[in-house]
Amino acid sequence: MVAIIVGLVLIAFTVFAALPGGLSWGAEIISFLKGASPVVAAFVGLISVFIGIADLKDKNEAKKEEEASSAKE
């Protein structure tokens, strides 16, 4: 319950900060998003590659286990 309240307060602050009548941080927020998006894209790409490699390894291991179990029968 506390996490939901804190989340709602932070969302409200973000909206207030971005509005022209509030803190007018709209331009700074856009500038931050423009600068951070390539970095985030690089991290997401790296994570995707690692997940893909782990998936390939898991598939190969499952195939070997399946072959081993069928050979025992």
N, C-alpha and C. Protein backbone atom coordinates (compact mmCIF):
# COMPACT_ATOMS: atom_id res chain seq x y z
N MET A 1 0.82 -1.19 0.00
CA MET A 1 0.00 0.00 0.00
C MET A 1 0.87 1.26 0.00
N VAL A 2 1.94 1.21 0.77
CA VAL A 2 2.84 2.37 0.83
C VAL A 2 3.49 2.59 -0.54
N ALA A 3 3.85 1.51 -1.21
CA ALA A 3 4.49 1.64 -2.53
C ALA A 3 3.55 2.30 -3.53
N ILE A 4 2.27 1.98 -3.47
CA ILE A 4 1.29 2.59 -4.38
C ILE A 4 1.17 4.07 -4.10
N ILE A 5 1.12 4.44 -2.84
CA ILE A 5 1.00 5.86 -2.47
C ILE A 5 2.24 6.63 -2.91
N VAL A 6 3.41 6.07 -2.65
CA VAL A 6 4.65 6.73 -3.06
C VAL A 6 4.70 6.86 -4.57
N GLY A 7 4.30 5.82 -5.28
CA GLY A 7 4.27 5.87 -6.74
C GLY A 7 3.35 6.96 -7.26
N LEU A 8 2.16 7.07 -6.68
CA LEU A 8 1.21 8.10 -7.10
C LEU A 8 1.75 9.50 -6.80
N VAL A 9 2.40 9.67 -5.66
CA VAL A 9 2.98 10.97 -5.32
C VAL A 9 4.09 11.33 -6.31
N LEU A 10 4.93 10.38 -6.65
CA LEU A 10 6.01 10.65 -7.60
C LEU A 10 5.48 10.95 -9.00
N ILE A 11 4.43 10.26 -9.41
CA ILE A 11 3.81 10.55 -10.71
C ILE A 11 3.21 11.96 -10.71
N ALA A 12 2.53 12.31 -9.62
CA ALA A 12 1.96 13.65 -9.52
C ALA A 12 3.05 14.71 -9.56
N PHE A 13 4.17 14.48 -8.87
CA PHE A 13 5.28 15.43 -8.91
C PHE A 13 5.85 15.57 -10.31
N THR A 14 5.97 14.45 -11.01
CA THR A 14 6.50 14.49 -12.37
C THR A 14 5.61 15.31 -13.29
N VAL A 15 4.31 15.10 -13.18
CA VAL A 15 3.38 15.88 -14.00
C VAL A 15 3.47 17.35 -13.63
N PHE A 16 3.51 17.66 -12.33
CA PHE A 16 3.61 19.05 -11.88
C PHE A 16 4.89 19.70 -12.38
N ALA A 17 6.01 18.96 -12.34
CA ALA A 17 7.30 19.51 -12.75
C ALA A 17 7.33 19.77 -14.26
N ALA A 18 6.63 18.95 -15.03
CA ALA A 18 6.68 19.11 -16.49
C ALA A 18 5.72 20.18 -17.00
N LEU A 19 4.69 20.50 -16.25
CA LEU A 19 3.70 21.47 -16.71
C LEU A 19 4.29 22.88 -16.74
N PRO A 20 3.85 23.69 -17.70
CA PRO A 20 4.35 25.07 -17.77
C PRO A 20 4.02 25.90 -16.52
N GLY A 21 2.89 25.66 -15.88
CA GLY A 21 2.54 26.42 -14.69
C GLY A 21 3.24 25.93 -13.45
N GLY A 22 3.80 24.74 -13.49
CA GLY A 22 4.48 24.17 -12.33
C GLY A 22 5.92 24.61 -12.29
N LEU A 23 6.83 23.66 -12.31
CA LEU A 23 8.25 23.98 -12.27
C LEU A 23 8.84 24.28 -13.65
N SER A 24 8.07 24.02 -14.69
CA SER A 24 8.49 24.28 -16.08
C SER A 24 9.77 23.53 -16.45
N TRP A 25 9.86 22.28 -16.06
CA TRP A 25 11.02 21.46 -16.38
C TRP A 25 10.84 20.69 -17.68
N GLY A 26 9.82 21.01 -18.45
CA GLY A 26 9.51 20.26 -19.66
C GLY A 26 10.68 20.16 -20.62
N ALA A 27 11.36 21.27 -20.88
CA ALA A 27 12.49 21.27 -21.81
C ALA A 27 13.65 20.43 -21.28
N GLU A 28 13.90 20.53 -19.97
CA GLU A 28 14.98 19.75 -19.37
C GLU A 28 14.66 18.26 -19.39
N ILE A 29 13.39 17.92 -19.19
CA ILE A 29 12.98 16.50 -19.23
C ILE A 29 13.19 15.94 -20.63
N ILE A 30 12.78 16.70 -21.64
CA ILE A 30 12.97 16.26 -23.03
C ILE A 30 14.45 16.13 -23.35
N SER A 31 15.25 17.07 -22.90
CA SER A 31 16.69 17.02 -23.13
C SER A 31 17.30 15.78 -22.47
N PHE A 32 16.88 15.48 -21.24
CA PHE A 32 17.37 14.29 -20.55
C PHE A 32 16.97 13.03 -21.29
N LEU A 33 15.72 12.96 -21.76
CA LEU A 33 15.26 11.78 -22.48
C LEU A 33 16.02 11.60 -23.78
N LYS A 34 16.32 12.70 -24.46
CA LYS A 34 17.10 12.61 -25.70
C LYS A 34 18.50 12.08 -25.43
N GLY A 35 19.10 12.51 -24.33
CA GLY A 35 20.45 12.06 -24.01
C GLY A 35 20.49 10.65 -23.45
N ALA A 36 19.46 10.26 -22.73
CA ALA A 36 19.46 8.96 -22.07
C ALA A 36 19.00 7.83 -22.99
N SER A 37 18.25 8.14 -24.02
CA SER A 37 17.69 7.08 -24.87
C SER A 37 18.76 6.24 -25.58
N PRO A 38 19.86 6.79 -26.09
CA PRO A 38 20.88 5.92 -26.68
C PRO A 38 21.53 4.98 -25.65
N VAL A 39 21.74 5.49 -24.45
CA VAL A 39 22.34 4.66 -23.41
C VAL A 39 21.39 3.53 -23.02
N VAL A 40 20.12 3.86 -22.84
CA VAL A 40 19.12 2.85 -22.51
C VAL A 40 19.01 1.82 -23.64
N ALA A 41 19.03 2.29 -24.87
CA ALA A 41 18.95 1.37 -26.01
C ALA A 41 20.15 0.43 -26.04
N ALA A 42 21.34 0.93 -25.71
CA ALA A 42 22.52 0.07 -25.68
C ALA A 42 22.39 -0.98 -24.59
N PHE A 43 21.92 -0.60 -23.40
CA PHE A 43 21.75 -1.57 -22.32
C PHE A 43 20.70 -2.61 -22.66
N VAL A 44 19.59 -2.18 -23.25
CA VAL A 44 18.55 -3.12 -23.64
C VAL A 44 19.08 -4.08 -24.71
N GLY A 45 19.87 -3.58 -25.62
CA GLY A 45 20.47 -4.43 -26.64
C GLY A 45 21.42 -5.46 -26.04
N LEU A 46 22.25 -5.04 -25.10
CA LEU A 46 23.16 -5.98 -24.44
C LEU A 46 22.40 -7.04 -23.67
N ILE A 47 21.38 -6.63 -22.95
CA ILE A 47 20.57 -7.59 -22.18
C ILE A 47 19.89 -8.57 -23.13
N SER A 48 19.40 -8.08 -24.26
CA SER A 48 18.76 -8.96 -25.24
C SER A 48 19.74 -9.98 -25.80
N VAL A 49 20.96 -9.56 -26.06
CA VAL A 49 21.97 -10.48 -26.57
C VAL A 49 22.28 -11.55 -25.52
N PHE A 50 22.45 -11.13 -24.26
CA PHE A 50 22.73 -12.10 -23.19
C PHE A 50 21.59 -13.08 -23.01
N ILE A 51 20.36 -12.60 -23.09
CA ILE A 51 19.20 -13.48 -22.96
C ILE A 51 19.15 -14.46 -24.14
N GLY A 52 19.45 -13.97 -25.34
CA GLY A 52 19.46 -14.85 -26.51
C GLY A 52 20.51 -15.93 -26.41
N ILE A 53 21.70 -15.58 -25.93
CA ILE A 53 22.77 -16.57 -25.76
C ILE A 53 22.37 -17.60 -24.71
N ALA A 54 21.80 -17.15 -23.60
CA ALA A 54 21.36 -18.08 -22.55
C ALA A 54 20.27 -19.00 -23.07
N ASP A 55 19.37 -18.47 -23.89
CA ASP A 55 18.30 -19.28 -24.47
C ASP A 55 18.86 -20.36 -25.38
N LEU A 56 19.84 -20.01 -26.20
CA LEU A 56 20.46 -21.00 -27.08
C LEU A 56 21.16 -22.09 -26.28
N LYS A 57 21.86 -21.69 -25.21
CA LYS A 57 22.52 -22.68 -24.37
C LYS A 57 21.50 -23.61 -23.71
N ASP A 58 20.39 -23.04 -23.23
CA ASP A 58 19.36 -23.86 -22.60
C ASP A 58 18.74 -24.84 -23.60
N LYS A 59 18.51 -24.39 -24.82
CA LYS A 59 17.95 -25.28 -25.84
C LYS A 59 18.90 -26.42 -26.17
N ASN A 60 20.19 -26.10 -26.28
CA ASN A 60 21.18 -27.14 -26.56
C ASN A 60 21.26 -28.14 -25.42
N GLU A 61 21.22 -27.64 -24.19
CA GLU A 61 21.27 -28.53 -23.03
C GLU A 61 20.03 -29.41 -22.95
N ALA A 62 18.86 -28.85 -23.23
CA ALA A 62 17.63 -29.63 -23.22
C ALA A 62 17.66 -30.69 -24.31
N LYS A 63 18.21 -30.35 -25.46
CA LYS A 63 18.31 -31.32 -26.56
C LYS A 63 19.23 -32.47 -26.18
N LYS A 64 20.36 -32.16 -25.54
CA LYS A 64 21.29 -33.19 -25.10
C LYS A 64 20.64 -34.11 -24.06
N GLU A 65 19.90 -33.51 -23.12
CA GLU A 65 19.22 -34.31 -22.10
C GLU A 65 18.17 -35.21 -22.71
N GLU A 66 17.45 -34.68 -23.70
CA GLU A 66 16.42 -35.47 -24.38
C GLU A 66 17.05 -36.64 -25.14
N GLU A 67 18.18 -36.38 -25.81
CA GLU A 67 18.87 -37.44 -26.53
C GLU A 67 19.41 -38.50 -25.56
N ALA A 68 19.91 -38.05 -24.40
CA ALA A 68 20.43 -38.98 -23.41
C ALA A 68 19.32 -39.84 -22.83
N SER A 69 18.17 -39.25 -22.59
CA SER A 69 17.06 -40.02 -22.03
C SER A 69 16.48 -40.99 -23.07
N SER A 70 16.47 -40.61 -24.32
CA SER A 70 15.96 -41.52 -25.36
C SER A 70 16.97 -42.65 -25.62
N ALA A 71 18.25 -42.40 -25.42
CA ALA A 71 19.26 -43.43 -25.61
C ALA A 71 19.18 -44.47 -24.50
N LYS A 72 18.78 -44.07 -23.29
CA LYS A 72 18.67 -45.00 -22.18
C LYS A 72 17.48 -45.96 -22.36
N GLU A 73 16.47 -45.50 -23.04
CA GLU A 73 15.27 -46.32 -23.24
C GLU A 73 15.56 -47.35 -24.26
